[in-house]
Amino acid sequence: MRELPLAVNDLLNNYMKIFNEYSPNQLAGLYLHGSLVLDAYVEGSSDIDFIAVTHKELIQSELEKTEEIHKLITEKY
């Protein structure tokens, strides 16, 4: 796989930073899929598909925090 586009890298780093602020030590990893890994990503057109894996099952309040994180990321990007 080639290097991630700067905008994608920025979004993913920002997502991890915010997730760790909202739910410290819960994020185990991010797994990319879709056009990014199929080398079909088109900057400015494609979405960024990833799966966030946590160390444990999230409780309702933590799930609500992830909704807030997604809203923040969506507003910024």
N, C-alpha and C. Protein backbone atom coordinates (compact mmCIF):
# COMPACT_ATOMS: atom_id res chain seq x y z
N MET A 1 0.84 -1.18 0.00
CA MET A 1 0.00 0.00 0.00
C MET A 1 0.88 1.24 0.00
N ARG A 2 0.46 2.21 -0.72
CA ARG A 2 1.23 3.45 -0.77
C ARG A 2 0.93 4.28 0.48
N GLU A 3 1.63 5.36 0.63
CA GLU A 3 1.47 6.25 1.78
C GLU A 3 0.07 6.87 1.78
N LEU A 4 -0.47 7.05 2.98
CA LEU A 4 -1.80 7.67 3.10
C LEU A 4 -1.75 9.13 2.68
N PRO A 5 -2.79 9.60 2.02
CA PRO A 5 -2.86 11.03 1.71
C PRO A 5 -2.82 11.84 3.01
N LEU A 6 -2.24 13.00 2.97
CA LEU A 6 -2.08 13.85 4.15
C LEU A 6 -3.41 14.11 4.84
N ALA A 7 -4.46 14.40 4.09
CA ALA A 7 -5.77 14.69 4.69
C ALA A 7 -6.31 13.47 5.44
N VAL A 8 -6.09 12.28 4.92
CA VAL A 8 -6.54 11.05 5.58
C VAL A 8 -5.75 10.83 6.85
N ASN A 9 -4.45 10.97 6.76
CA ASN A 9 -3.58 10.82 7.92
C ASN A 9 -3.97 11.80 9.02
N ASP A 10 -4.24 13.03 8.64
CA ASP A 10 -4.64 14.07 9.59
C ASP A 10 -5.96 13.69 10.26
N LEU A 11 -6.95 13.25 9.48
CA LEU A 11 -8.23 12.86 10.04
C LEU A 11 -8.08 11.71 11.03
N LEU A 12 -7.34 10.68 10.65
CA LEU A 12 -7.17 9.51 11.52
C LEU A 12 -6.43 9.87 12.81
N ASN A 13 -5.39 10.68 12.70
CA ASN A 13 -4.67 11.11 13.89
C ASN A 13 -5.56 11.94 14.80
N ASN A 14 -6.37 12.81 14.21
CA ASN A 14 -7.29 13.63 14.98
C ASN A 14 -8.34 12.76 15.66
N TYR A 15 -8.86 11.77 14.95
CA TYR A 15 -9.84 10.85 15.51
C TYR A 15 -9.24 10.13 16.73
N MET A 16 -8.03 9.61 16.60
CA MET A 16 -7.39 8.91 17.71
C MET A 16 -7.16 9.83 18.90
N LYS A 17 -6.73 11.05 18.63
CA LYS A 17 -6.49 12.03 19.69
C LYS A 17 -7.77 12.32 20.46
N ILE A 18 -8.84 12.62 19.73
CA ILE A 18 -10.10 12.94 20.38
C ILE A 18 -10.67 11.72 21.11
N PHE A 19 -10.59 10.55 20.49
CA PHE A 19 -11.09 9.33 21.13
C PHE A 19 -10.37 9.11 22.45
N ASN A 20 -9.05 9.28 22.45
CA ASN A 20 -8.29 9.08 23.68
C ASN A 20 -8.57 10.15 24.74
N GLU A 21 -8.98 11.34 24.31
CA GLU A 21 -9.39 12.37 25.26
C GLU A 21 -10.74 12.01 25.90
N TYR A 22 -11.66 11.51 25.08
CA TYR A 22 -13.00 11.16 25.56
C TYR A 22 -13.02 9.83 26.32
N SER A 23 -12.24 8.87 25.88
CA SER A 23 -12.23 7.53 26.48
C SER A 23 -10.79 7.03 26.57
N PRO A 24 -10.05 7.53 27.56
CA PRO A 24 -8.63 7.16 27.68
C PRO A 24 -8.41 5.65 27.75
N ASN A 25 -7.40 5.20 27.05
CA ASN A 25 -6.95 3.81 27.07
C ASN A 25 -7.98 2.80 26.57
N GLN A 26 -8.95 3.24 25.79
CA GLN A 26 -9.97 2.32 25.25
C GLN A 26 -9.70 1.92 23.81
N LEU A 27 -9.05 2.77 23.03
CA LEU A 27 -8.84 2.49 21.62
C LEU A 27 -7.70 1.51 21.42
N ALA A 28 -8.02 0.36 20.85
CA ALA A 28 -7.00 -0.66 20.59
C ALA A 28 -6.35 -0.46 19.23
N GLY A 29 -7.12 0.03 18.24
CA GLY A 29 -6.55 0.24 16.93
C GLY A 29 -7.59 0.67 15.92
N LEU A 30 -7.11 1.15 14.80
CA LEU A 30 -7.96 1.51 13.67
C LEU A 30 -7.58 0.63 12.49
N TYR A 31 -8.57 0.10 11.82
CA TYR A 31 -8.34 -0.74 10.67
C TYR A 31 -9.00 -0.11 9.45
N LEU A 32 -8.20 0.18 8.45
CA LEU A 32 -8.70 0.79 7.22
C LEU A 32 -9.30 -0.26 6.31
N HIS A 33 -10.33 0.13 5.57
CA HIS A 33 -10.89 -0.74 4.54
C HIS A 33 -11.49 0.14 3.45
N GLY A 34 -12.05 -0.47 2.46
CA GLY A 34 -12.65 0.29 1.37
C GLY A 34 -11.62 0.78 0.37
N SER A 35 -11.93 1.92 -0.23
CA SER A 35 -11.11 2.43 -1.33
C SER A 35 -9.66 2.71 -0.93
N LEU A 36 -9.43 3.07 0.33
CA LEU A 36 -8.06 3.34 0.76
C LEU A 36 -7.15 2.14 0.59
N VAL A 37 -7.62 0.98 0.99
CA VAL A 37 -6.77 -0.22 0.91
C VAL A 37 -6.84 -0.90 -0.45
N LEU A 38 -7.83 -0.53 -1.23
CA LEU A 38 -7.95 -1.09 -2.58
C LEU A 38 -7.25 -0.22 -3.61
N ASP A 39 -6.55 0.81 -3.13
CA ASP A 39 -5.84 1.74 -3.99
C ASP A 39 -6.78 2.42 -4.99
N ALA A 40 -8.00 2.70 -4.51
CA ALA A 40 -8.99 3.35 -5.37
C ALA A 40 -9.47 4.66 -4.76
N TYR A 41 -8.79 5.13 -3.73
CA TYR A 41 -9.18 6.36 -3.04
C TYR A 41 -8.97 7.57 -3.95
N VAL A 42 -9.98 8.43 -4.02
CA VAL A 42 -9.91 9.66 -4.81
C VAL A 42 -10.08 10.83 -3.85
N GLU A 43 -9.00 11.57 -3.65
CA GLU A 43 -9.04 12.68 -2.70
C GLU A 43 -10.11 13.69 -3.11
N GLY A 44 -10.90 14.11 -2.14
CA GLY A 44 -11.97 15.06 -2.38
C GLY A 44 -13.28 14.42 -2.81
N SER A 45 -13.24 13.12 -3.09
CA SER A 45 -14.43 12.43 -3.55
C SER A 45 -14.76 11.20 -2.70
N SER A 46 -13.74 10.42 -2.37
CA SER A 46 -13.96 9.18 -1.61
C SER A 46 -14.16 9.47 -0.13
N ASP A 47 -14.90 8.57 0.50
CA ASP A 47 -15.00 8.66 1.96
C ASP A 47 -13.85 7.87 2.57
N ILE A 48 -13.71 7.96 3.88
CA ILE A 48 -12.62 7.28 4.58
C ILE A 48 -13.25 6.20 5.46
N ASP A 49 -13.07 4.96 5.06
CA ASP A 49 -13.67 3.84 5.78
C ASP A 49 -12.65 3.25 6.76
N PHE A 50 -13.06 3.17 8.02
CA PHE A 50 -12.21 2.51 9.01
C PHE A 50 -13.07 1.93 10.12
N ILE A 51 -12.51 0.97 10.80
CA ILE A 51 -13.16 0.33 11.94
C ILE A 51 -12.30 0.65 13.16
N ALA A 52 -12.94 1.18 14.18
CA ALA A 52 -12.25 1.45 15.45
C ALA A 52 -12.51 0.26 16.38
N VAL A 53 -11.44 -0.31 16.90
CA VAL A 53 -11.54 -1.45 17.80
C VAL A 53 -11.15 -0.98 19.20
N THR A 54 -11.98 -1.36 20.17
CA THR A 54 -11.72 -0.97 21.56
C THR A 54 -11.27 -2.17 22.38
N HIS A 55 -10.68 -1.88 23.51
CA HIS A 55 -10.17 -2.94 24.39
C HIS A 55 -11.30 -3.72 25.06
N LYS A 56 -12.45 -3.08 25.21
CA LYS A 56 -13.59 -3.77 25.82
C LYS A 56 -14.87 -3.25 25.17
N GLU A 57 -15.96 -3.97 25.41
CA GLU A 57 -17.25 -3.52 24.91
C GLU A 57 -17.61 -2.21 25.59
N LEU A 58 -18.07 -1.26 24.80
CA LEU A 58 -18.39 0.07 25.34
C LEU A 58 -19.78 0.08 25.96
N ILE A 59 -19.90 0.78 27.09
CA ILE A 59 -21.20 0.96 27.71
C ILE A 59 -21.91 2.13 27.03
N GLN A 60 -23.18 2.32 27.34
CA GLN A 60 -24.00 3.32 26.66
C GLN A 60 -23.37 4.71 26.69
N SER A 61 -22.88 5.15 27.85
CA SER A 61 -22.30 6.50 27.93
C SER A 61 -21.06 6.63 27.04
N GLU A 62 -20.30 5.56 26.91
CA GLU A 62 -19.12 5.58 26.03
C GLU A 62 -19.54 5.60 24.56
N LEU A 63 -20.61 4.88 24.24
CA LEU A 63 -21.13 4.91 22.87
C LEU A 63 -21.61 6.30 22.50
N GLU A 64 -22.23 6.98 23.46
CA GLU A 64 -22.68 8.35 23.22
C GLU A 64 -21.48 9.28 22.99
N LYS A 65 -20.38 9.02 23.68
CA LYS A 65 -19.16 9.80 23.45
C LYS A 65 -18.64 9.59 22.04
N THR A 66 -18.73 8.35 21.54
CA THR A 66 -18.25 8.10 20.17
C THR A 66 -19.11 8.84 19.15
N GLU A 67 -20.41 8.98 19.43
CA GLU A 67 -21.27 9.77 18.55
C GLU A 67 -20.81 11.22 18.52
N GLU A 68 -20.44 11.76 19.68
CA GLU A 68 -19.92 13.12 19.75
C GLU A 68 -18.63 13.26 18.95
N ILE A 69 -17.76 12.27 19.07
CA ILE A 69 -16.50 12.28 18.34
C ILE A 69 -16.77 12.30 16.83
N HIS A 70 -17.69 11.47 16.39
CA HIS A 70 -18.01 11.41 14.96
C HIS A 70 -18.57 12.74 14.47
N LYS A 71 -19.38 13.39 15.29
CA LYS A 71 -19.92 14.70 14.92
C LYS A 71 -18.78 15.72 14.78
N LEU A 72 -17.85 15.71 15.74
CA LEU A 72 -16.71 16.63 15.68
C LEU A 72 -15.88 16.41 14.42
N ILE A 73 -15.60 15.16 14.13
CA ILE A 73 -14.79 14.81 12.95
C ILE A 73 -15.53 15.22 11.67
N THR A 74 -16.83 14.93 11.62
CA THR A 74 -17.63 15.28 10.44
C THR A 74 -17.65 16.79 10.21
N GLU A 75 -17.78 17.55 11.29
CA GLU A 75 -17.79 19.02 11.15
C GLU A 75 -16.46 19.54 10.65
N LYS A 76 -15.37 18.94 11.11
CA LYS A 76 -14.04 19.42 10.73
C LYS A 76 -13.65 19.00 9.31
N TYR A 77 -14.06 17.80 8.91
CA TYR A 77 -13.62 17.27 7.62
C TYR A 77 -14.77 17.14 6.65
